[in-house]
Protein backbone atom coordinates (compact mmCIF):
# COMPACT_ATOMS: atom_id res chain seq x y z
CA MET A 1 -73.42 -115.11 -7.46
CA SER A 2 -71.34 -112.23 -8.83
CA VAL A 3 -68.68 -112.73 -11.47
CA PRO A 4 -65.34 -111.55 -10.00
CA PHE A 5 -63.78 -110.72 -13.34
CA SER A 6 -66.67 -109.13 -15.19
CA PRO A 7 -65.86 -106.40 -17.74
CA ARG A 8 -67.23 -103.79 -15.35
CA ASN A 9 -64.95 -104.98 -12.54
CA LEU A 10 -61.96 -105.06 -14.83
CA ILE A 11 -62.64 -101.53 -16.04
CA HIS A 12 -63.07 -100.33 -12.45
CA PHE A 13 -59.80 -101.99 -11.44
CA ALA A 14 -57.97 -100.47 -14.43
CA ILE A 15 -59.27 -97.00 -13.57
CA SER A 16 -58.25 -97.47 -9.93
CA LEU A 17 -54.82 -98.65 -10.99
CA LEU A 18 -54.36 -95.51 -13.09
CA THR A 19 -55.85 -92.96 -10.71
CA ASN A 20 -56.14 -94.20 -7.11
CA PRO A 21 -53.05 -93.37 -4.98
CA ARG A 22 -53.61 -96.61 -3.04
CA TYR A 23 -52.61 -98.51 -6.19
CA PHE A 24 -49.55 -96.39 -6.97
CA TRP A 25 -47.03 -99.13 -6.26
CA SER A 26 -49.14 -101.74 -8.02
CA LEU A 27 -48.91 -99.73 -11.25
CA ALA A 28 -45.29 -98.77 -10.53
CA SER A 29 -44.38 -102.46 -10.17
CA LEU A 30 -45.93 -103.23 -13.54
CA VAL A 31 -44.06 -100.30 -15.12
CA ILE A 32 -40.76 -101.41 -13.62
CA ILE A 33 -41.20 -105.05 -14.70
CA GLY A 34 -42.26 -103.98 -18.18
CA ASP A 35 -39.29 -101.65 -18.48
CA VAL A 36 -36.90 -104.40 -17.39
CA ILE A 37 -38.24 -106.61 -20.17
CA LEU A 38 -38.02 -103.76 -22.68
CA THR A 39 -34.42 -103.01 -21.67
CA GLU A 40 -33.44 -106.65 -22.13
CA LEU A 41 -34.97 -106.59 -25.62
CA VAL A 42 -32.98 -103.46 -26.43
CA ILE A 43 -29.74 -105.17 -25.39
CA ARG A 44 -30.56 -108.31 -27.34
CA PHE A 45 -31.70 -106.81 -30.62
CA ILE A 46 -30.03 -103.39 -30.98
CA PRO A 47 -26.27 -103.26 -31.58
CA TYR A 48 -23.99 -101.67 -28.99
CA THR A 49 -22.20 -98.50 -30.16
CA GLU A 50 -18.74 -97.66 -28.83
CA ILE A 51 -18.33 -94.01 -27.84
CA ASP A 52 -16.64 -93.47 -24.47
CA TRP A 53 -16.49 -96.91 -22.79
CA GLU A 54 -13.10 -97.77 -24.30
CA THR A 55 -11.71 -94.45 -23.13
CA TYR A 56 -13.08 -95.02 -19.63
CA MET A 57 -11.35 -98.40 -19.47
CA ILE A 58 -7.99 -97.13 -20.79
CA GLN A 59 -8.03 -94.23 -18.34
CA THR A 60 -8.96 -96.59 -15.52
CA GLU A 61 -6.12 -98.92 -16.46
CA LEU A 62 -3.66 -96.03 -16.20
CA TYR A 63 -5.04 -95.29 -12.74
CA ILE A 64 -4.79 -98.94 -11.69
CA ASN A 65 -1.19 -99.01 -12.90
CA GLY A 66 -0.32 -96.17 -10.56
CA GLN A 67 -0.83 -92.96 -12.52
CA ARG A 68 -2.11 -90.18 -10.22
CA ASN A 69 -1.43 -87.07 -12.32
CA TYR A 70 -4.69 -86.10 -14.01
CA THR A 71 -2.94 -84.50 -16.96
CA LEU A 72 -1.41 -87.89 -17.82
CA ILE A 73 -4.60 -89.96 -17.57
CA THR A 74 -5.88 -89.92 -21.15
CA GLY A 75 -7.64 -92.13 -23.68
CA PRO A 76 -8.73 -92.23 -27.33
CA THR A 77 -11.27 -89.41 -26.88
CA GLY A 78 -9.03 -87.21 -24.76
CA PRO A 79 -7.94 -86.54 -21.17
CA LEU A 80 -9.86 -87.54 -18.07
CA VAL A 81 -12.33 -84.74 -17.32
CA TYR A 82 -14.39 -86.32 -14.53
CA PRO A 83 -13.87 -86.28 -10.76
CA ALA A 84 -12.30 -89.13 -8.85
CA GLY A 85 -15.51 -91.01 -8.06
CA HIS A 86 -15.77 -91.78 -11.77
CA LEU A 87 -12.49 -93.70 -11.58
CA ARG A 88 -13.52 -95.57 -8.43
CA ILE A 89 -16.68 -96.87 -10.10
CA HIS A 90 -14.95 -97.79 -13.33
CA GLN A 91 -12.19 -99.58 -11.46
CA VAL A 92 -14.87 -102.01 -10.24
CA LEU A 93 -16.36 -102.25 -13.73
CA TYR A 94 -12.88 -102.84 -15.17
CA ASP A 95 -12.37 -105.76 -12.80
CA VAL A 96 -15.73 -107.47 -13.34
CA THR A 97 -15.90 -107.01 -17.15
CA ASP A 98 -12.47 -108.41 -18.00
CA SER A 99 -10.79 -105.02 -18.46
CA GLY A 100 -13.89 -103.73 -20.24
CA LYS A 101 -13.88 -106.45 -22.92
CA ASN A 102 -17.08 -108.16 -21.75
CA ILE A 103 -19.46 -105.60 -23.20
CA ARG A 104 -22.56 -107.76 -22.79
CA LEU A 105 -21.95 -108.09 -19.05
CA ALA A 106 -21.40 -104.33 -18.82
CA GLN A 107 -24.70 -103.77 -20.63
CA HIS A 108 -26.54 -105.94 -18.11
CA ILE A 109 -24.93 -104.09 -15.22
CA TYR A 110 -26.17 -100.86 -16.76
CA ALA A 111 -29.58 -102.45 -17.27
CA LEU A 112 -29.74 -103.09 -13.52
CA LEU A 113 -28.59 -99.52 -12.94
CA TYR A 114 -31.34 -98.23 -15.22
CA ALA A 115 -33.96 -100.33 -13.43
CA ALA A 116 -32.73 -98.91 -10.12
CA THR A 117 -33.17 -95.36 -11.41
CA VAL A 118 -36.75 -96.18 -12.41
CA VAL A 119 -37.42 -97.53 -8.91
CA LEU A 120 -35.95 -94.39 -7.35
CA THR A 121 -37.91 -92.16 -9.72
CA CYS A 122 -41.16 -93.89 -8.76
CA SER A 123 -40.22 -93.51 -5.09
CA ILE A 124 -39.59 -89.78 -5.52
CA TYR A 125 -42.90 -89.33 -7.35
CA ARG A 126 -44.78 -91.26 -4.67
CA LYS A 127 -43.15 -89.38 -1.81
CA ALA A 128 -44.14 -86.05 -3.38
CA ARG A 129 -47.77 -87.28 -3.61
CA ASN A 130 -48.79 -84.90 -6.38
CA ILE A 131 -48.46 -87.03 -9.52
CA PRO A 132 -51.32 -89.14 -10.93
CA ASN A 133 -50.48 -92.84 -11.10
CA TRP A 134 -50.87 -93.02 -14.87
CA VAL A 135 -48.02 -90.53 -15.44
CA LEU A 136 -45.67 -93.40 -14.55
CA LEU A 137 -46.55 -94.93 -17.91
CA LEU A 138 -44.47 -92.18 -19.55
CA LEU A 139 -41.25 -93.28 -17.84
CA PRO A 140 -40.36 -96.32 -20.03
CA LEU A 141 -41.09 -94.51 -23.32
CA SER A 142 -37.75 -92.76 -23.84
CA LYS A 143 -35.79 -94.32 -26.67
CA ARG A 144 -32.81 -92.04 -26.03
CA LEU A 145 -32.60 -92.84 -22.33
CA HIS A 146 -32.43 -96.58 -22.93
CA SER A 147 -29.70 -95.93 -25.48
CA ILE A 148 -27.68 -93.80 -23.04
CA PHE A 149 -27.74 -96.55 -20.42
CA VAL A 150 -27.39 -99.88 -22.21
CA LEU A 151 -26.18 -99.06 -25.72
CA ARG A 152 -23.62 -96.36 -24.86
CA LEU A 153 -22.63 -97.06 -21.20
CA PHE A 154 -22.10 -93.40 -20.29
CA ASN A 155 -20.86 -92.45 -16.84
CA ASP A 156 -23.70 -89.90 -16.49
CA CYS A 157 -25.92 -92.84 -15.57
CA TRP A 158 -24.07 -93.45 -12.30
CA ALA A 159 -24.24 -89.79 -11.28
CA VAL A 160 -27.99 -89.75 -12.02
CA PHE A 161 -28.59 -92.86 -9.91
CA VAL A 162 -26.70 -91.56 -6.88
CA MET A 163 -28.31 -88.12 -7.13
CA GLN A 164 -31.77 -89.66 -7.25
CA ALA A 165 -30.93 -91.55 -4.06
CA ALA A 166 -29.84 -88.23 -2.53
CA ILE A 167 -33.13 -86.55 -3.50
CA LEU A 168 -35.11 -89.37 -1.92
CA ALA A 169 -33.03 -89.03 1.25
CA PHE A 170 -33.76 -85.28 1.38
CA GLN A 171 -37.46 -86.00 0.86
CA ASN A 172 -37.37 -88.28 3.89
CA GLY A 173 -35.60 -85.68 6.02
CA LEU A 174 -32.30 -87.58 6.01
CA ASP A 175 -30.23 -84.50 5.27
CA ASP A 176 -26.86 -85.87 6.40
CA THR A 177 -27.30 -88.96 4.23
CA GLY A 178 -28.54 -86.79 1.38
CA CYS A 179 -25.47 -84.54 1.55
CA LEU A 180 -23.11 -87.51 1.49
CA LEU A 181 -24.95 -88.96 -1.50
CA PHE A 182 -24.94 -85.56 -3.20
CA SER A 183 -21.18 -85.37 -2.74
CA ALA A 184 -20.77 -88.94 -4.03
CA ALA A 185 -22.78 -88.02 -7.15
CA LEU A 186 -20.70 -84.88 -7.59
CA SER A 187 -17.55 -86.99 -7.44
CA ILE A 188 -18.75 -88.80 -10.57
CA LYS A 189 -19.89 -85.86 -12.68
CA MET A 190 -19.54 -82.10 -12.24
CA SER A 191 -23.07 -81.58 -13.65
CA ILE A 192 -24.46 -82.39 -10.18
CA LEU A 193 -23.51 -78.81 -9.23
CA LEU A 194 -26.67 -77.73 -11.06
CA TYR A 195 -28.64 -78.93 -8.02
CA LEU A 196 -26.58 -76.93 -5.53
CA PRO A 197 -28.60 -73.67 -5.54
CA GLY A 198 -31.83 -75.53 -4.80
CA LEU A 199 -30.09 -77.66 -2.18
CA LEU A 200 -28.79 -74.56 -0.38
CA VAL A 201 -32.32 -73.18 -0.18
CA ILE A 202 -33.66 -76.44 1.24
CA LEU A 203 -30.89 -76.83 3.82
CA PHE A 204 -30.99 -73.17 4.90
CA LYS A 205 -34.74 -73.24 5.40
CA ARG A 206 -34.78 -76.63 7.11
CA LYS A 207 -31.58 -76.48 9.18
CA GLY A 208 -30.40 -72.88 9.43
CA LEU A 209 -27.11 -71.13 8.74
CA VAL A 210 -24.66 -73.07 10.90
CA ALA A 211 -26.01 -76.53 10.04
CA THR A 212 -26.00 -75.65 6.33
CA PHE A 213 -22.38 -74.55 6.54
CA ILE A 214 -21.41 -77.76 8.35
CA ARG A 215 -23.09 -79.87 5.68
CA LEU A 216 -21.29 -77.95 2.94
CA LEU A 217 -18.05 -78.75 4.72
CA SER A 218 -19.01 -82.44 4.79
CA ILE A 219 -19.68 -82.33 1.04
CA GLY A 220 -16.26 -80.77 0.45
CA ALA A 221 -14.54 -83.20 2.80
CA LEU A 222 -15.92 -86.21 0.95
CA GLN A 223 -14.76 -84.72 -2.35
CA ALA A 224 -11.27 -84.37 -0.92
CA PHE A 225 -11.39 -87.94 0.41
CA PHE A 226 -12.23 -89.37 -3.02
CA ALA A 227 -9.59 -87.25 -4.71
CA LEU A 228 -6.81 -87.42 -2.12
CA PRO A 229 -4.22 -89.37 -4.18
CA PHE A 230 -4.67 -86.96 -7.10
CA LEU A 231 -4.61 -83.87 -4.89
CA GLN A 232 -1.34 -85.05 -3.36
CA GLU A 233 0.16 -85.58 -6.82
CA ASP A 234 -1.00 -82.34 -8.49
CA LEU A 235 -3.88 -80.45 -6.89
CA TRP A 236 -4.23 -77.88 -9.67
CA ALA A 237 -4.26 -80.50 -12.43
CA TYR A 238 -7.08 -82.36 -10.68
CA VAL A 239 -9.24 -79.30 -10.01
CA ARG A 240 -8.66 -77.86 -13.49
CA LEU A 241 -9.65 -81.05 -15.32
CA ALA A 242 -12.29 -82.55 -13.01
CA PHE A 243 -14.15 -79.27 -12.45
CA ASP A 244 -13.50 -77.27 -15.60
CA LEU A 245 -16.21 -74.58 -15.56
CA GLY A 246 -14.83 -72.94 -18.69
CA ARG A 247 -14.82 -76.00 -20.92
CA VAL A 248 -15.56 -75.26 -24.59
CA PHE A 249 -17.57 -77.90 -26.47
CA LEU A 250 -17.53 -78.76 -30.16
CA TYR A 251 -20.33 -77.25 -32.21
CA LYS A 252 -20.97 -80.48 -34.13
CA TRP A 253 -22.18 -82.27 -31.00
CA THR A 254 -24.49 -79.61 -29.57
CA VAL A 255 -28.11 -80.61 -29.13
CA ASN A 256 -29.47 -77.37 -27.68
CA TRP A 257 -27.89 -74.50 -29.65
CA ARG A 258 -27.86 -75.76 -33.25
CA PHE A 259 -30.06 -72.82 -34.29
CA LEU A 260 -27.09 -70.53 -33.60
CA ASP A 261 -24.21 -70.18 -36.04
CA GLU A 262 -20.90 -71.72 -34.98
CA GLN A 263 -19.16 -68.40 -34.46
CA THR A 264 -21.80 -67.27 -31.99
CA PHE A 265 -21.84 -70.67 -30.27
CA LEU A 266 -18.08 -70.55 -29.63
CA SER A 267 -17.87 -66.87 -28.67
CA PRO A 268 -16.97 -65.84 -25.11
CA THR A 269 -19.78 -63.29 -25.26
CA TRP A 270 -22.35 -66.06 -25.69
CA ALA A 271 -20.80 -67.99 -22.79
CA ARG A 272 -21.07 -64.92 -20.56
CA THR A 273 -24.65 -64.35 -21.69
CA LEU A 274 -25.63 -67.89 -20.72
CA MET A 275 -23.91 -67.57 -17.36
CA ALA A 276 -25.73 -64.30 -16.70
CA GLY A 277 -29.05 -65.84 -17.71
CA HIS A 278 -28.42 -68.80 -15.41
CA ILE A 279 -27.63 -66.59 -12.44
CA ILE A 280 -30.51 -64.16 -13.06
CA THR A 281 -33.04 -66.99 -13.37
CA LEU A 282 -31.80 -68.67 -10.18
CA VAL A 283 -31.95 -65.35 -8.33
CA ALA A 284 -35.48 -64.75 -9.63
CA PHE A 285 -36.67 -68.13 -8.37
CA GLY A 286 -34.91 -67.50 -5.06
CA LEU A 287 -36.43 -64.03 -4.65
CA PHE A 288 -39.96 -64.65 -5.87
CA ARG A 289 -40.77 -68.37 -5.68
CA TRP A 290 -38.67 -70.69 -3.55
CA CYS A 291 -39.00 -68.59 -0.39
CA LYS A 292 -42.41 -66.98 -0.93
CA PRO A 293 -44.27 -69.42 1.37
CA ASP A 294 -41.95 -68.19 4.16
CA GLY A 295 -42.75 -64.50 3.64
CA SER A 296 -39.87 -63.59 1.35
CA VAL A 297 -36.25 -64.45 0.74
CA TRP A 298 -35.29 -61.46 2.87
CA ALA A 299 -37.35 -62.77 5.77
CA VAL A 300 -35.69 -66.18 5.45
CA LEU A 301 -32.21 -64.63 5.35
CA ALA A 302 -33.00 -62.37 8.31
CA ARG A 303 -34.20 -65.29 10.41
CA GLY A 304 -31.21 -67.38 9.35
CA PHE A 305 -28.63 -64.80 10.34
CA ARG A 306 -30.48 -63.65 13.46
CA ARG A 307 -30.86 -67.21 14.77
CA PRO A 308 -28.10 -69.16 13.00
CA LEU A 309 -28.66 -72.36 15.00
CA HIS A 310 -32.36 -72.64 14.07
CA PRO A 311 -34.28 -73.32 10.85
CA ALA A 312 -34.71 -70.20 8.73
CA GLY A 313 -37.97 -71.19 7.05
CA LEU A 314 -41.51 -71.01 8.36
CA ALA A 315 -43.34 -73.17 5.82
CA PRO A 316 -42.62 -76.92 6.09
CA VAL A 317 -40.06 -78.28 3.63
CA THR A 318 -42.22 -81.07 2.27
CA PRO A 319 -41.16 -83.96 -0.01
CA ASP A 320 -43.04 -82.23 -2.84
CA TYR A 321 -41.13 -79.01 -2.22
CA VAL A 322 -37.79 -80.84 -2.09
CA ALA A 323 -38.31 -82.61 -5.41
CA THR A 324 -39.75 -79.56 -7.16
CA VAL A 325 -37.00 -77.18 -6.07
CA LEU A 326 -34.15 -79.58 -6.82
CA PHE A 327 -35.59 -80.60 -10.20
CA THR A 328 -36.20 -76.94 -11.09
CA SER A 329 -32.68 -75.95 -10.10
CA ASN A 330 -31.38 -78.70 -12.38
CA LEU A 331 -33.68 -77.65 -15.25
CA ILE A 332 -32.51 -74.04 -15.05
CA GLY A 333 -28.91 -75.19 -15.39
CA ILE A 334 -29.80 -77.39 -18.36
CA ILE A 335 -31.59 -74.56 -20.18
CA PHE A 336 -28.56 -72.29 -19.86
CA ALA A 337 -25.90 -74.96 -20.43
CA ARG A 338 -23.09 -73.95 -22.79
CA SER A 339 -23.79 -77.14 -24.75
CA LEU A 340 -25.81 -80.31 -24.25
CA HIS A 341 -24.58 -83.61 -25.66
CA TYR A 342 -26.90 -86.57 -26.19
CA GLN A 343 -25.91 -88.36 -22.99
CA PHE A 344 -26.84 -85.26 -21.00
CA TYR A 345 -30.52 -86.09 -21.54
CA SER A 346 -30.13 -88.57 -18.69
CA TRP A 347 -29.62 -85.61 -16.34
CA TYR A 348 -33.35 -84.83 -16.37
CA ALA A 349 -35.24 -87.30 -18.58
CA GLN A 350 -36.99 -89.00 -15.65
CA GLN A 351 -37.78 -85.65 -14.04
CA ILE A 352 -39.64 -84.18 -17.02
CA PRO A 353 -43.05 -85.81 -16.36
CA PHE A 354 -42.88 -84.70 -12.73
CA LEU A 355 -42.07 -81.12 -13.71
CA ALA A 356 -44.75 -81.09 -16.40
CA TRP A 357 -47.31 -81.99 -13.74
CA ARG A 358 -46.06 -79.14 -11.56
CA THR A 359 -47.51 -76.72 -14.14
CA ARG A 360 -51.10 -75.63 -14.67
CA TYR A 361 -51.06 -76.51 -18.36
CA PRO A 362 -53.83 -78.79 -19.69
CA TRP A 363 -52.81 -82.44 -19.54
CA VAL A 364 -52.67 -82.64 -23.34
CA PHE A 365 -50.18 -79.76 -23.40
CA LYS A 366 -48.13 -81.41 -20.65
CA ILE A 367 -47.83 -84.57 -22.70
CA ALA A 368 -46.98 -82.47 -25.77
CA ILE A 369 -44.06 -80.89 -23.87
CA VAL A 370 -42.78 -84.30 -22.76
CA ALA A 371 -43.07 -85.60 -26.34
CA ALA A 372 -41.40 -82.51 -27.83
CA ILE A 373 -38.39 -82.85 -25.53
CA GLU A 374 -38.09 -86.55 -26.30
CA TYR A 375 -38.34 -85.83 -30.04
CA ALA A 376 -35.60 -83.21 -29.92
CA TRP A 377 -33.21 -85.53 -28.11
CA ASN A 378 -33.76 -88.26 -30.71
CA VAL A 379 -32.85 -86.18 -33.76
CA PHE A 380 -29.28 -87.02 -34.80
CA PRO A 381 -27.50 -84.92 -35.75
CA SER A 382 -29.43 -82.06 -34.22
CA THR A 383 -30.99 -79.47 -36.52
CA THR A 384 -32.11 -75.90 -36.27
CA LEU A 385 -35.67 -77.18 -35.82
CA SER A 386 -34.88 -79.84 -33.20
CA SER A 387 -32.75 -77.53 -31.05
CA GLY A 388 -35.37 -74.77 -31.35
CA ILE A 389 -38.08 -77.21 -30.22
CA LEU A 390 -35.91 -78.34 -27.30
CA PHE A 391 -35.28 -74.79 -26.14
CA ALA A 392 -38.95 -73.85 -26.50
CA ALA A 393 -40.21 -76.96 -24.67
CA ASN A 394 -37.71 -76.60 -21.81
CA SER A 395 -38.55 -72.91 -21.50
CA LEU A 396 -42.31 -73.56 -21.49
CA LEU A 397 -41.74 -76.13 -18.77
CA LEU A 398 -39.84 -73.61 -16.66
CA VAL A 399 -42.43 -70.87 -17.23
CA GLY A 400 -45.19 -73.25 -16.18
CA ILE A 401 -43.29 -74.15 -13.01
CA TRP A 402 -42.73 -70.45 -12.28
CA ARG A 403 -46.46 -69.81 -12.42
CA ARG A 404 -47.29 -72.78 -10.18
CA LEU A 405 -44.36 -73.06 -7.79
CA VAL A 406 -45.72 -70.54 -5.31
CA ASN A 407 -48.40 -73.10 -4.39
CA VAL A 408 -46.03 -76.01 -3.70
CA ARG A 409 -46.75 -77.62 -0.33
């Protein structure tokens, strides 16, 4: 009679759990449950730090009391600089947390939100079918990400959650749903625009010119719907504050460019240089990587304009391709961002392991990149060394993706 739980059987089961795709959701369930417990411990034993929550609540109260002019919706840390979806979410939070006074309840709401992002991240990884099971073990290890969600209560968390839902919808071929979710995420935080170049490639290849244009109109229409009361009051004030592309950040809070001197950091020349680098890198990926499986970008454009009602791509737009292109588009924007603040880590923290495994680097080097990025985001205040490490690690990640992306299927 065999012993069902012999050491050999346990070892075999552990190896299967870590490596066999059939056991992906078994391991993912353990990761999610473990992370829920860890998050609860963080809430219980680490003090909450007030940064922007009070401002969110004061701004929301002004909105609830009837203020619709964006220039007059302000708080302790300054004017409202987020789109209208931000206010809609925080109106609900204002109501259920006793005008923002019940911090512990707010933390548990954000804990649920964080758990939901982990579930969505696992779903995206599984749908792509190119990530070893054991990589999921890296997801709960970010000290900074837990802090952003449950110790700081930043609004970035809501935008990340909705955008992850959008990515999963695109992976499943639900493009209309994905576009609506993309627009909803954009209505919370302007940073979601970083995904737009990759999204345009996916939609154009999968749907063609006319259908892409219609979906862009739907994205714009939903933005207008969310913002209608503010657009009616003062359209320019809303657009200028909610989508300020020329915003200048304070040097003391930068995480990514501390190795520059303050004069260079604040200079318009540096801003233009970053913008040029962002555009050039996106164009390079568009020309030489994202459309290479279809012949070339010129072949895709020619098919799209010659037959505007039909898909412009030849190669299938797989779930792996969707996640890789959207995550890469986001990463490019992060690398060339004018400034990154600590809460901005949430924009891509859960995407980093996926992107690392889209490179051909040895697995030890992949883990080193993940660890280096996490280290840099946990140094406060940032230093010349930490920001240099962050830039180097992000850049190595992008270079590795460049070298591998042509083989995405």
